[in-house]
Amino acid sequence: MKTQFMEKRVFTLDEVAKTFNVDPRTIFRLIHGQNKEGKKLPATKVGRAWRISEDNLRTYLLENANVRNELEFSKMKEYVKSPEKKPKKKK
């Protein structure tokens, strides 16, 4: 029997790093708040590995977006909320 908690997507530090094409150490630094603003990416340590929930990742991205205006923000917000609508990468 699945609970609501078990249905939530959880990412590893490496998965998040690959998604954003950055080094895993960059994500590790975000978890520990080692950025200009000192804002932390909420994550949970399970054993020796970090886990980042999809909800926490989306919230962090929306709250720390570098956007110029409301229209750009609303487009980015929609993009982050609906991952199935993301355009495919061109090779």
Protein backbone atom coordinates (compact mmCIF):
# COMPACT_ATOMS: atom_id res chain seq x y z
CA MET A 1 0.00 0.00 0.00
CA LYS A 2 1.48 3.35 -1.11
CA THR A 3 1.05 6.37 1.08
CA GLN A 4 0.91 9.93 -0.19
CA PHE A 5 4.48 10.40 1.05
CA MET A 6 5.73 7.48 -1.04
CA GLU A 7 4.20 8.90 -4.23
CA LYS A 8 6.36 12.04 -4.14
CA ARG A 9 9.41 12.08 -6.43
CA VAL A 10 12.78 12.31 -4.70
CA PHE A 11 16.08 13.04 -6.46
CA THR A 12 19.66 12.28 -5.56
CA LEU A 13 22.25 15.02 -5.53
CA ASP A 14 23.75 13.60 -8.76
CA GLU A 15 20.36 13.53 -10.52
CA VAL A 16 19.77 17.21 -9.73
CA ALA A 17 23.30 18.08 -10.86
CA LYS A 18 22.82 16.24 -14.17
CA THR A 19 19.44 17.88 -14.76
CA PHE A 20 20.93 21.37 -14.41
CA ASN A 21 24.25 20.47 -16.04
CA VAL A 22 26.34 21.47 -13.04
CA ASP A 23 28.88 19.72 -10.86
CA PRO A 24 27.39 17.79 -7.89
CA ARG A 25 29.51 19.98 -5.59
CA THR A 26 27.44 22.97 -6.75
CA ILE A 27 24.24 21.29 -5.53
CA PHE A 28 26.02 20.31 -2.30
CA ARG A 29 26.94 23.98 -1.77
CA LEU A 30 23.32 25.02 -2.35
CA ILE A 31 22.18 22.48 0.26
CA HIS A 32 24.55 24.08 2.76
CA GLY A 33 23.62 27.66 1.83
CA GLN A 34 27.02 28.51 0.38
CA ASN A 35 25.78 31.17 -2.02
CA LYS A 36 25.51 34.97 -2.01
CA GLU A 37 22.16 35.05 -0.23
CA GLY A 38 22.87 32.12 2.09
CA LYS A 39 19.62 30.43 1.01
CA LYS A 40 19.61 26.68 1.46
CA LEU A 41 18.14 24.09 -0.87
CA PRO A 42 16.07 21.90 1.47
CA ALA A 43 17.38 18.33 1.43
CA THR A 44 17.51 15.27 3.65
CA LYS A 45 20.52 13.12 4.33
CA VAL A 46 19.76 9.41 4.18
CA GLY A 47 22.80 7.48 5.33
CA ARG A 48 25.64 9.03 3.37
CA ALA A 49 23.49 10.29 0.46
CA TRP A 50 21.46 13.46 0.05
CA ARG A 51 17.84 13.36 -1.18
CA ILE A 52 15.96 16.35 -2.58
CA SER A 53 12.19 16.24 -2.98
CA GLU A 54 10.61 17.48 -6.19
CA ASP A 55 8.44 19.92 -4.22
CA ASN A 56 11.45 21.42 -2.42
CA LEU A 57 13.39 21.71 -5.66
CA ARG A 58 10.52 23.50 -7.44
CA THR A 59 9.97 25.87 -4.52
CA TYR A 60 13.68 26.70 -4.36
CA LEU A 61 13.80 27.39 -8.09
CA LEU A 62 10.73 29.63 -8.00
CA GLU A 63 11.89 31.58 -4.95
CA ASN A 64 15.40 32.10 -6.33
CA ALA A 65 14.57 32.79 -9.96
CA ASN A 66 16.59 35.45 -11.71
CA VAL A 67 13.89 36.99 -13.88
CA ARG A 68 13.47 40.48 -15.30
CA ASN A 69 9.72 40.92 -15.27
CA GLU A 70 6.38 39.39 -14.29
CA LEU A 71 5.73 37.86 -17.74
CA GLU A 72 9.07 36.06 -17.70
CA PHE A 73 8.41 34.91 -14.13
CA SER A 74 4.98 33.51 -15.02
CA LYS A 75 6.44 31.61 -17.98
CA MET A 76 9.20 30.18 -15.80
CA LYS A 77 6.72 29.32 -13.06
CA GLU A 78 4.55 27.40 -15.54
CA TYR A 79 7.62 25.61 -16.93
CA VAL A 80 8.73 24.48 -13.47
CA LYS A 81 5.22 23.37 -12.44
CA SER A 82 4.62 21.15 -15.48
CA PRO A 83 7.67 19.01 -16.25
CA GLU A 84 5.81 17.03 -18.92
CA LYS A 85 5.62 20.19 -21.06
CA LYS A 86 9.39 20.73 -21.14
CA PRO A 87 10.84 20.87 -24.65
CA LYS A 88 13.11 18.02 -25.68
CA LYS A 89 16.82 18.74 -25.92
CA LYS A 90 18.18 18.95 -29.43
CA LYS A 91 21.23 16.83 -30.09
